[in-house]
């Protein structure tokens, strides 16, 4: 019996964890213990900044929150790694002959 998957189609049903990060903050434990239902925690992001979208902890995109009916959603604005190249990669520096090598 030979197993020959077609491309990466066999990976399409693998579960992954998608996380959207609104922001971060650092707090002392004593401050965390004083949080209540009406507490406000200030995050390190501005309201107009894009949110980080991660798959299994790896940043893959940035997006913005949208309201869709009575639920929140996420509009992907930027996929990472899809920006066009800024031009050809610089050519590697020529190797120098090591001491004792023939020139």
PDB file of N, CA and C in Angstrom:
ATOM      1  N   UNK A   1       0.850  -1.183   0.000  1.00  0.00           N
ATOM      2  CA  UNK A   1       0.000   0.000   0.000  1.00  0.00           C
ATOM      3  C   UNK A   1       0.890   1.238   0.000  1.00  0.00           C
ATOM      4  N   UNK A   2       0.651   2.129  -0.935  1.00  0.00           N
ATOM      5  CA  UNK A   2       1.457   3.333  -1.061  1.00  0.00           C
ATOM      6  C   UNK A   2       0.585   4.553  -0.774  1.00  0.00           C
ATOM      7  N   UNK A   3       1.086   5.451   0.083  1.00  0.00           N
ATOM      8  CA  UNK A   3       0.370   6.682   0.421  1.00  0.00           C
ATOM      9  C   UNK A   3       0.998   7.816  -0.360  1.00  0.00           C
ATOM     10  N   UNK A   4       0.255   8.418  -1.280  1.00  0.00           N
ATOM     11  CA  UNK A   4       0.766   9.527  -2.076  1.00  0.00           C
ATOM     12  C   UNK A   4      -0.216  10.696  -2.016  1.00  0.00           C
ATOM     13  N   UNK A   5      -0.020  11.623  -1.049  1.00  0.00           N
ATOM     14  CA  UNK A   5      -0.934  12.763  -0.950  1.00  0.00           C
ATOM     15  C   UNK A   5      -0.741  13.703  -2.142  1.00  0.00           C
ATOM     16  N   UNK A   6      -1.830  14.360  -2.530  1.00  0.00           N
ATOM     17  CA  UNK A   6      -1.754  15.353  -3.605  1.00  0.00           C
ATOM     18  C   UNK A   6      -1.408  16.698  -2.995  1.00  0.00           C
ATOM     19  N   UNK A   7      -0.181  17.149  -3.166  1.00  0.00           N
ATOM     20  CA  UNK A   7       0.232  18.436  -2.608  1.00  0.00           C
ATOM     21  C   UNK A   7       0.063  18.464  -1.104  1.00  0.00           C
ATOM     22  N   UNK A   8      -0.499  19.567  -0.618  1.00  0.00           N
ATOM     23  CA  UNK A   8      -0.718  19.715   0.817  1.00  0.00           C
ATOM     24  C   UNK A   8      -2.198  19.603   1.168  1.00  0.00           C
ATOM     25  N   UNK A   9      -2.988  19.050   0.268  1.00  0.00           N
ATOM     26  CA  UNK A   9      -4.427  18.920   0.526  1.00  0.00           C
ATOM     27  C   UNK A   9      -4.723  18.145   1.800  1.00  0.00           C
ATOM     28  N   UNK A  10      -3.898  17.198   2.144  1.00  0.00           N
ATOM     29  CA  UNK A  10      -4.145  16.384   3.336  1.00  0.00           C
ATOM     30  C   UNK A  10      -4.009  17.188   4.627  1.00  0.00           C
ATOM     31  N   UNK A  11      -3.409  18.385   4.568  1.00  0.00           N
ATOM     32  CA  UNK A  11      -3.249  19.220   5.763  1.00  0.00           C
ATOM     33  C   UNK A  11      -4.445  20.140   6.009  1.00  0.00           C
ATOM     34  N   UNK A  12      -5.348  20.227   5.061  1.00  0.00           N
ATOM     35  CA  UNK A  12      -6.445  21.186   5.171  1.00  0.00           C
ATOM     36  C   UNK A  12      -7.365  20.928   6.356  1.00  0.00           C
ATOM     37  N   UNK A  13      -7.439  19.710   6.863  1.00  0.00           N
ATOM     38  CA  UNK A  13      -8.317  19.395   7.985  1.00  0.00           C
ATOM     39  C   UNK A  13      -7.615  19.402   9.335  1.00  0.00           C
ATOM     40  N   UNK A  14      -6.377  19.867   9.394  1.00  0.00           N
ATOM     41  CA  UNK A  14      -5.633  19.939  10.654  1.00  0.00           C
ATOM     42  C   UNK A  14      -6.127  21.152  11.447  1.00  0.00           C
ATOM     43  N   UNK A  15      -6.486  20.936  12.706  1.00  0.00           N
ATOM     44  CA  UNK A  15      -6.922  22.032  13.568  1.00  0.00           C
ATOM     45  C   UNK A  15      -5.732  22.868  14.003  1.00  0.00           C
ATOM     46  N   UNK A  16      -5.898  24.198  13.971  1.00  0.00           N
ATOM     47  CA  UNK A  16      -4.886  25.129  14.463  1.00  0.00           C
ATOM     48  C   UNK A  16      -5.592  26.144  15.358  1.00  0.00           C
ATOM     49  N   UNK A  17      -4.831  26.819  16.197  1.00  0.00           N
ATOM     50  CA  UNK A  17      -5.398  27.830  17.090  1.00  0.00           C
ATOM     51  C   UNK A  17      -5.139  29.206  16.483  1.00  0.00           C
ATOM     52  N   UNK A  18      -6.227  29.925  16.168  1.00  0.00           N
ATOM     53  CA  UNK A  18      -6.147  31.281  15.648  1.00  0.00           C
ATOM     54  C   UNK A  18      -6.369  32.238  16.806  1.00  0.00           C
ATOM     55  N   UNK A  19      -5.439  33.164  17.004  1.00  0.00           N
ATOM     56  CA  UNK A  19      -5.510  34.118  18.097  1.00  0.00           C
ATOM     57  C   UNK A  19      -5.430  35.525  17.538  1.00  0.00           C
ATOM     58  N   UNK A  20      -6.262  36.423  18.054  1.00  0.00           N
ATOM     59  CA  UNK A  20      -6.208  37.834  17.693  1.00  0.00           C
ATOM     60  C   UNK A  20      -5.826  38.586  18.961  1.00  0.00           C
ATOM     61  N   UNK A  21      -4.722  39.300  18.897  1.00  0.00           N
ATOM     62  CA  UNK A  21      -4.222  40.006  20.087  1.00  0.00           C
ATOM     63  C   UNK A  21      -4.589  41.480  20.015  1.00  0.00           C
ATOM     64  N   UNK A  22      -5.365  41.924  21.004  1.00  0.00           N
ATOM     65  CA  UNK A  22      -5.759  43.329  21.086  1.00  0.00           C
ATOM     66  C   UNK A  22      -4.624  44.209  21.584  1.00  0.00           C
ATOM     67  N   UNK A  23      -3.795  43.676  22.454  1.00  0.00           N
ATOM     68  CA  UNK A  23      -2.692  44.435  23.034  1.00  0.00           C
ATOM     69  C   UNK A  23      -2.152  43.720  24.253  1.00  0.00           C
ATOM     70  N   UNK A  24      -1.152  44.330  24.851  1.00  0.00           N
ATOM     71  CA  UNK A  24      -0.502  43.749  26.030  1.00  0.00           C
ATOM     72  C   UNK A  24      -0.268  44.814  27.088  1.00  0.00           C
ATOM     73  N   UNK A  25      -0.043  44.343  28.291  1.00  0.00           N
ATOM     74  CA  UNK A  25       0.351  45.224  29.378  1.00  0.00           C
ATOM     75  C   UNK A  25       1.089  44.397  30.422  1.00  0.00           C
ATOM     76  N   UNK A  26       1.856  45.056  31.245  1.00  0.00           N
ATOM     77  CA  UNK A  26       2.519  44.404  32.376  1.00  0.00           C
ATOM     78  C   UNK A  26       1.902  44.951  33.654  1.00  0.00           C
ATOM     79  N   UNK A  27       1.620  44.039  34.575  1.00  0.00           N
ATOM     80  CA  UNK A  27       1.029  44.440  35.848  1.00  0.00           C
ATOM     81  C   UNK A  27       1.685  43.655  36.972  1.00  0.00           C
ATOM     82  N   UNK A  28       1.720  44.267  38.128  1.00  0.00           N
ATOM     83  CA  UNK A  28       2.172  43.556  39.320  1.00  0.00           C
ATOM     84  C   UNK A  28       1.026  42.666  39.792  1.00  0.00           C
ATOM     85  N   UNK A  29       1.365  41.556  40.408  1.00  0.00           N
ATOM     86  CA  UNK A  29       0.361  40.612  40.876  1.00  0.00           C
ATOM     87  C   UNK A  29      -0.635  41.277  41.821  1.00  0.00           C
ATOM     88  N   UNK A  30      -0.150  42.172  42.674  1.00  0.00           N
ATOM     89  CA  UNK A  30      -1.064  42.847  43.601  1.00  0.00           C
ATOM     90  C   UNK A  30      -2.114  43.663  42.853  1.00  0.00           C
ATOM     91  N   UNK A  31      -1.758  44.222  41.672  1.00  0.00           N
ATOM     92  CA  UNK A  31      -2.722  44.978  40.872  1.00  0.00           C
ATOM     93  C   UNK A  31      -3.714  44.045  40.175  1.00  0.00           C
ATOM     94  N   UNK A  32      -3.246  42.874  39.745  1.00  0.00           N
ATOM     95  CA  UNK A  32      -4.139  41.892  39.127  1.00  0.00           C
ATOM     96  C   UNK A  32      -5.173  41.428  40.151  1.00  0.00           C
ATOM     97  N   UNK A  33      -4.742  41.225  41.380  1.00  0.00           N
ATOM     98  CA  UNK A  33      -5.642  40.746  42.423  1.00  0.00           C
ATOM     99  C   UNK A  33      -6.719  41.767  42.790  1.00  0.00           C
ATOM    100  N   UNK A  34      -6.517  43.038  42.444  1.00  0.00           N
ATOM    101  CA  UNK A  34      -7.519  44.063  42.756  1.00  0.00           C
ATOM    102  C   UNK A  34      -8.507  44.292  41.607  1.00  0.00           C
ATOM    103  N   UNK A  35      -8.345  43.579  40.488  1.00  0.00           N
ATOM    104  CA  UNK A  35      -9.265  43.752  39.358  1.00  0.00           C
ATOM    105  C   UNK A  35     -10.664  43.289  39.739  1.00  0.00           C
ATOM    106  N   UNK A  36     -11.656  44.023  39.261  1.00  0.00           N
ATOM    107  CA  UNK A  36     -13.050  43.636  39.495  1.00  0.00           C
ATOM    108  C   UNK A  36     -13.806  43.760  38.169  1.00  0.00           C
ATOM    109  N   UNK A  37     -15.108  43.540  38.196  1.00  0.00           N
ATOM    110  CA  UNK A  37     -15.918  43.566  36.979  1.00  0.00           C
ATOM    111  C   UNK A  37     -15.890  44.907  36.267  1.00  0.00           C
ATOM    112  N   UNK A  38     -15.699  45.990  36.935  1.00  0.00           N
ATOM    113  CA  UNK A  38     -15.702  47.323  36.319  1.00  0.00           C
ATOM    114  C   UNK A  38     -14.297  47.860  36.046  1.00  0.00           C
ATOM    115  N   UNK A  39     -13.282  47.055  36.279  1.00  0.00           N
ATOM    116  CA  UNK A  39     -11.897  47.503  36.083  1.00  0.00           C
ATOM    117  C   UNK A  39     -11.588  47.712  34.614  1.00  0.00           C
ATOM    118  N   UNK A  40     -10.741  48.676  34.343  1.00  0.00           N
ATOM    119  CA  UNK A  40     -10.254  48.927  32.986  1.00  0.00           C
ATOM    120  C   UNK A  40      -8.758  48.692  32.983  1.00  0.00           C
ATOM    121  N   UNK A  41      -8.294  47.870  32.056  1.00  0.00           N
ATOM    122  CA  UNK A  41      -6.867  47.584  31.908  1.00  0.00           C
ATOM    123  C   UNK A  41      -6.408  48.257  30.627  1.00  0.00           C
ATOM    124  N   UNK A  42      -5.471  49.191  30.742  1.00  0.00           N
ATOM    125  CA  UNK A  42      -4.959  49.910  29.579  1.00  0.00           C
ATOM    126  C   UNK A  42      -3.928  49.050  28.859  1.00  0.00           C
ATOM    127  N   UNK A  43      -4.106  48.906  27.560  1.00  0.00           N
ATOM    128  CA  UNK A  43      -3.203  48.097  26.740  1.00  0.00           C
ATOM    129  C   UNK A  43      -2.218  48.983  25.986  1.00  0.00           C
ATOM    130  N   UNK A  44      -1.220  48.348  25.376  1.00  0.00           N
ATOM    131  CA  UNK A  44      -0.156  49.093  24.707  1.00  0.00           C
ATOM    132  C   UNK A  44      -0.489  49.487  23.269  1.00  0.00           C
ATOM    133  N   UNK A  45      -1.703  49.294  22.827  1.00  0.00           N
ATOM    134  CA  UNK A  45      -2.096  49.628  21.450  1.00  0.00           C
ATOM    135  C   UNK A  45      -3.031  50.826  21.439  1.00  0.00           C
ATOM    136  N   UNK A  46      -2.958  51.579  20.356  1.00  0.00           N
ATOM    137  CA  UNK A  46      -3.899  52.669  20.127  1.00  0.00           C
ATOM    138  C   UNK A  46      -5.129  52.086  19.425  1.00  0.00           C
ATOM    139  N   UNK A  47      -6.244  52.768  19.497  1.00  0.00           N
ATOM    140  CA  UNK A  47      -7.484  52.247  18.926  1.00  0.00           C
ATOM    141  C   UNK A  47      -7.430  52.126  17.410  1.00  0.00           C
ATOM    142  N   UNK A  48      -6.566  52.901  16.749  1.00  0.00           N
ATOM    143  CA  UNK A  48      -6.503  52.839  15.286  1.00  0.00           C
ATOM    144  C   UNK A  48      -5.405  51.901  14.772  1.00  0.00           C
ATOM    145  N   UNK A  49      -4.706  51.217  15.666  1.00  0.00           N
ATOM    146  CA  UNK A  49      -3.662  50.277  15.252  1.00  0.00           C
ATOM    147  C   UNK A  49      -4.271  48.936  14.859  1.00  0.00           C
ATOM    148  N   UNK A  50      -3.631  48.283  13.890  1.00  0.00           N
ATOM    149  CA  UNK A  50      -4.082  46.964  13.476  1.00  0.00           C
ATOM    150  C   UNK A  50      -3.784  45.927  14.556  1.00  0.00           C
ATOM    151  N   UNK A  51      -4.602  44.888  14.614  1.00  0.00           N
ATOM    152  CA  UNK A  51      -4.443  43.816  15.594  1.00  0.00           C
ATOM    153  C   UNK A  51      -3.598  42.697  15.004  1.00  0.00           C
ATOM    154  N   UNK A  52      -2.846  42.008  15.847  1.00  0.00           N
ATOM    155  CA  UNK A  52      -2.025  40.880  15.407  1.00  0.00           C
ATOM    156  C   UNK A  52      -2.890  39.627  15.303  1.00  0.00           C
ATOM    157  N   UNK A  53      -2.745  38.901  14.192  1.00  0.00           N
ATOM    158  CA  UNK A  53      -3.450  37.636  13.978  1.00  0.00           C
ATOM    159  C   UNK A  53      -2.385  36.549  13.956  1.00  0.00           C
ATOM    160  N   UNK A  54      -2.510  35.571  14.857  1.00  0.00           N
ATOM    161  CA  UNK A  54      -1.499  34.522  14.981  1.00  0.00           C
ATOM    162  C   UNK A  54      -2.130  33.147  14.813  1.00  0.00           C
ATOM    163  N   UNK A  55      -1.388  32.265  14.202  1.00  0.00           N
ATOM    164  CA  UNK A  55      -1.777  30.859  14.109  1.00  0.00           C
ATOM    165  C   UNK A  55      -0.743  30.064  14.884  1.00  0.00           C
ATOM    166  N   UNK A  56      -1.198  29.367  15.908  1.00  0.00           N
ATOM    167  CA  UNK A  56      -0.311  28.600  16.796  1.00  0.00           C
ATOM    168  C   UNK A  56       0.853  29.448  17.300  1.00  0.00           C
ATOM    169  N   UNK A  57       0.578  30.720  17.617  1.00  0.00           N
ATOM    170  CA  UNK A  57       1.580  31.609  18.186  1.00  0.00           C
ATOM    171  C   UNK A  57       2.461  32.315  17.175  1.00  0.00           C
ATOM    172  N   UNK A  58       2.320  32.027  15.892  1.00  0.00           N
ATOM    173  CA  UNK A  58       3.142  32.670  14.861  1.00  0.00           C
ATOM    174  C   UNK A  58       2.319  33.748  14.173  1.00  0.00           C
ATOM    175  N   UNK A  59       2.879  34.967  14.136  1.00  0.00           N
ATOM    176  CA  UNK A  59       2.208  36.097  13.518  1.00  0.00           C
ATOM    177  C   UNK A  59       2.088  35.872  12.011  1.00  0.00           C
ATOM    178  N   UNK A  60       0.857  35.900  11.494  1.00  0.00           N
ATOM    179  CA  UNK A  60       0.655  35.657  10.060  1.00  0.00           C
ATOM    180  C   UNK A  60      -0.029  36.815   9.350  1.00  0.00           C
ATOM    181  N   UNK A  61      -0.717  37.688  10.126  1.00  0.00           N
ATOM    182  CA  UNK A  61      -1.477  38.760   9.483  1.00  0.00           C
ATOM    183  C   UNK A  61      -1.774  39.860  10.494  1.00  0.00           C
ATOM    184  N   UNK A  62      -2.325  40.950   9.976  1.00  0.00           N
ATOM    185  CA  UNK A  62      -2.822  42.035  10.817  1.00  0.00           C
ATOM    186  C   UNK A  62      -4.223  42.377  10.322  1.00  0.00           C
ATOM    187  N   UNK A  63      -5.083  42.789  11.247  1.00  0.00           N
ATOM    188  CA  UNK A  63      -6.459  43.065  10.861  1.00  0.00           C
ATOM    189  C   UNK A  63      -7.111  44.078  11.773  1.00  0.00           C
ATOM    190  N   UNK A  64      -8.394  44.303  11.508  1.00  0.00           N
ATOM    191  CA  UNK A  64      -9.163  45.264  12.296  1.00  0.00           C
ATOM    192  C   UNK A  64     -10.495  44.647  12.691  1.00  0.00           C
ATOM    193  N   UNK A  65     -11.007  45.090  13.826  1.00  0.00           N
ATOM    194  CA  UNK A  65     -12.271  44.578  14.343  1.00  0.00           C
ATOM    195  C   UNK A  65     -13.418  45.181  13.527  1.00  0.00           C
ATOM    196  N   UNK A  66     -14.382  44.338  13.191  1.00  0.00           N
ATOM    197  CA  UNK A  66     -15.605  44.794  12.517  1.00  0.00           C
ATOM    198  C   UNK A  66     -16.793  44.208  13.260  1.00  0.00           C
ATOM    199  N   UNK A  67     -17.936  44.877  13.171  1.00  0.00           N
ATOM    200  CA  UNK A  67     -19.173  44.355  13.744  1.00  0.00           C
ATOM    201  C   UNK A  67     -19.969  43.736  12.605  1.00  0.00           C
ATOM    202  N   UNK A  68     -20.407  42.506  12.817  1.00  0.00           N
ATOM    203  CA  UNK A  68     -21.197  41.809  11.817  1.00  0.00           C
ATOM    204  C   UNK A  68     -22.446  41.286  12.525  1.00  0.00           C
ATOM    205  N   UNK A  69     -23.551  42.002  12.341  1.00  0.00           N
ATOM    206  CA  UNK A  69     -24.760  41.657  13.079  1.00  0.00           C
ATOM    207  C   UNK A  69     -24.536  41.942  14.552  1.00  0.00           C
ATOM    208  N   UNK A  70     -24.778  40.942  15.402  1.00  0.00           N
ATOM    209  CA  UNK A  70     -24.572  41.119  16.838  1.00  0.00           C
ATOM    210  C   UNK A  70     -23.272  40.481  17.306  1.00  0.00           C
ATOM    211  N   UNK A  71     -22.355  40.243  16.385  1.00  0.00           N
ATOM    212  CA  UNK A  71     -21.063  39.625  16.715  1.00  0.00           C
ATOM    213  C   UNK A  71     -19.913  40.495  16.234  1.00  0.00           C
ATOM    214  N   UNK A  72     -18.765  40.276  16.848  1.00  0.00           N
ATOM    215  CA  UNK A  72     -17.540  40.903  16.371  1.00  0.00           C
ATOM    216  C   UNK A  72     -16.897  39.997  15.352  1.00  0.00           C
ATOM    217  N   UNK A  73     -16.197  40.588  14.419  1.00  0.00           N
ATOM    218  CA  UNK A  73     -15.449  39.833  13.429  1.00  0.00           C
ATOM    219  C   UNK A  73     -14.092  40.487  13.221  1.00  0.00           C
ATOM    220  N   UNK A  74     -13.344  39.962  12.301  1.00  0.00           N
ATOM    221  CA  UNK A  74     -12.010  40.481  12.016  1.00  0.00           C
ATOM    222  C   UNK A  74     -11.848  40.589  10.508  1.00  0.00           C
ATOM    223  N   UNK A  75     -11.459  41.755  10.043  1.00  0.00           N
ATOM    224  CA  UNK A  75     -11.151  41.955   8.627  1.00  0.00           C
ATOM    225  C   UNK A  75      -9.632  41.918   8.485  1.00  0.00           C
ATOM    226  N   UNK A  76      -9.144  40.970   7.691  1.00  0.00           N
ATOM    227  CA  UNK A  76      -7.703  40.873   7.450  1.00  0.00           C
ATOM    228  C   UNK A  76      -7.315  42.010   6.520  1.00  0.00           C
ATOM    229  N   UNK A  77      -6.360  42.812   6.956  1.00  0.00           N
ATOM    230  CA  UNK A  77      -5.913  43.967   6.190  1.00  0.00           C
ATOM    231  C   UNK A  77      -4.562  43.702   5.531  1.00  0.00           C
ATOM    232  N   UNK A  78      -3.739  42.912   6.202  1.00  0.00           N
ATOM    233  CA  UNK A  78      -2.371  42.683   5.728  1.00  0.00           C
ATOM    234  C   UNK A  78      -1.950  41.257   6.054  1.00  0.00           C
ATOM    235  N   UNK A  79      -1.514  40.523   5.047  1.00  0.00           N
ATOM    236  CA  UNK A  79      -0.934  39.202   5.266  1.00  0.00           C
ATOM    237  C   UNK A  79       0.575  39.355   5.308  1.00  0.00           C
ATOM    238  N   UNK A  80       1.206  38.814   6.320  1.00  0.00           N
ATOM    239  CA  UNK A  80       2.652  38.950   6.419  1.00  0.00           C
ATOM    240  C   UNK A  80       3.334  38.044   5.415  1.00  0.00           C
ATOM    241  N   UNK A  81       4.449  38.497   4.889  1.00  0.00           N
ATOM    242  CA  UNK A  81       5.204  37.710   3.934  1.00  0.00           C
ATOM    243  C   UNK A  81       4.685  37.835   2.519  1.00  0.00           C
ATOM    244  N   UNK A  82       3.707  38.728   2.282  1.00  0.00           N
ATOM    245  CA  UNK A  82       3.187  38.886   0.928  1.00  0.00           C
ATOM    246  C   UNK A  82       3.555  40.231   0.317  1.00  0.00           C
ATOM    247  N   UNK A  83       4.369  41.023   1.039  1.00  0.00           N
ATOM    248  CA  UNK A  83       4.770  42.309   0.494  1.00  0.00           C
ATOM    249  C   UNK A  83       5.682  42.088  -0.699  1.00  0.00           C
ATOM    250  N   UNK A  84       5.547  42.896  -1.748  1.00  0.00           N
ATOM    251  CA  UNK A  84       6.453  42.743  -2.884  1.00  0.00           C
ATOM    252  C   UNK A  84       7.882  43.068  -2.469  1.00  0.00           C
ATOM    253  N   UNK A  85       8.820  42.397  -3.103  1.00  0.00           N
ATOM    254  CA  UNK A  85      10.225  42.641  -2.795  1.00  0.00           C
ATOM    255  C   UNK A  85      10.597  44.072  -3.135  1.00  0.00           C
ATOM    256  N   UNK A  86      11.523  44.616  -2.366  1.00  0.00           N
ATOM    257  CA  UNK A  86      11.970  45.985  -2.598  1.00  0.00           C
ATOM    258  C   UNK A  86      12.992  46.047  -3.723  1.00  0.00           C
ATOM    259  N   UNK A  87      13.190  44.986  -4.413  1.00  0.00           N
ATOM    260  CA  UNK A  87      14.171  44.942  -5.490  1.00  0.00           C
ATOM    261  C   UNK A  87      14.975  43.676  -5.363  1.00  0.00           C
ATOM    262  N   UNK A  88      15.924  43.471  -6.279  1.00  0.00           N
ATOM    263  CA  UNK A  88      16.729  42.260  -6.209  1.00  0.00           C
ATOM    264  C   UNK A  88      17.598  42.242  -4.961  1.00  0.00           C
ATOM    265  N   UNK A  89      17.851  41.057  -4.476  1.00  0.00           N
ATOM    266  CA  UNK A  89      18.701  40.901  -3.291  1.00  0.00           C
ATOM    267  C   UNK A  89      20.113  41.336  -3.645  1.00  0.00           C
ATOM    268  N   UNK A  90      20.827  41.939  -2.696  1.00  0.00           N
ATOM    269  CA  UNK A  90      22.194  42.357  -2.993  1.00  0.00           C
ATOM    270  C   UNK A  90      23.075  41.152  -3.304  1.00  0.00           C
ATOM    271  N   UNK A  91      23.994  41.351  -4.221  1.00  0.00           N
ATOM    272  CA  UNK A  91      24.908  40.272  -4.599  1.00  0.00           C
ATOM    273  C   UNK A  91      25.849  39.983  -3.441  1.00  0.00           C
ATOM    274  N   UNK A  92      26.175  38.697  -3.224  1.00  0.00           N
ATOM    275  CA  UNK A  92      27.103  38.375  -2.140  1.00  0.00           C
ATOM    276  C   UNK A  92      28.486  38.961  -2.434  1.00  0.00           C
ATOM    277  N   UNK A  93      29.184  39.321  -1.355  1.00  0.00           N
ATOM    278  CA  UNK A  93      30.532  39.869  -1.515  1.00  0.00           C
ATOM    279  C   UNK A  93      31.456  38.798  -2.071  1.00  0.00           C
ATOM    280  N   UNK A  94      32.367  39.193  -2.958  1.00  0.00           N
ATOM    281  CA  UNK A  94      33.297  38.181  -3.500  1.00  0.00           C
ATOM    282  C   UNK A  94      34.194  37.640  -2.394  1.00  0.00           C
ATOM    283  N   UNK A  95      34.512  36.341  -2.511  1.00  0.00           N
ATOM    284  CA  UNK A  95      35.388  35.715  -1.519  1.00  0.00           C
ATOM    285  C   UNK A  95      36.818  36.158  -1.747  1.00  0.00           C
ATOM    286  N   UNK A  96      37.509  36.392  -0.662  1.00  0.00           N
ATOM    287  CA  UNK A  96      38.937  36.693  -0.755  1.00  0.00           C
ATOM    288  C   UNK A  96      39.699  35.387  -0.704  1.00  0.00           C
ATOM    289  N   UNK A  97      40.772  35.351  -1.415  1.00  0.00           N
ATOM    290  CA  UNK A  97      41.623  34.154  -1.393  1.00  0.00           C
ATOM    291  C   UNK A  97      42.262  34.032  -0.024  1.00  0.00           C
ATOM    292  N   UNK A  98      42.214  32.828   0.524  1.00  0.00           N
ATOM    293  CA  UNK A  98      42.849  32.581   1.819  1.00  0.00           C
ATOM    294  C   UNK A  98      44.351  32.512   1.626  1.00  0.00           C
ATOM    295  N   UNK A  99      45.062  32.745   2.704  1.00  0.00           N
ATOM    296  CA  UNK A  99      46.519  32.697   2.649  1.00  0.00           C
ATOM    297  C   UNK A  99      46.959  31.330   2.141  1.00  0.00           C
ATOM    298  N   UNK A 100      47.783  31.334   1.133  1.00  0.00           N
ATOM    299  CA  UNK A 100      48.288  30.087   0.594  1.00  0.00           C
ATOM    300  C   UNK A 100      47.503  29.613  -0.608  1.00  0.00           C
ATOM    301  N   UNK A 101      46.322  30.219  -0.883  1.00  0.00           N
ATOM    302  CA  UNK A 101      45.554  29.832  -2.058  1.00  0.00           C
ATOM    303  C   UNK A 101      46.192  30.427  -3.310  1.00  0.00           C
ATOM    304  N   UNK A 102      46.067  29.721  -4.408  1.00  0.00           N
ATOM    305  CA  UNK A 102      46.587  30.247  -5.675  1.00  0.00           C
ATOM    306  C   UNK A 102      45.651  31.320  -6.172  1.00  0.00           C
ATOM    307  N   UNK A 103      46.217  32.411  -6.726  1.00  0.00           N
ATOM    308  CA  UNK A 103      45.384  33.490  -7.232  1.00  0.00           C
ATOM    309  C   UNK A 103      45.224  33.365  -8.710  1.00  0.00           C
TER     310      UNK A 103
END
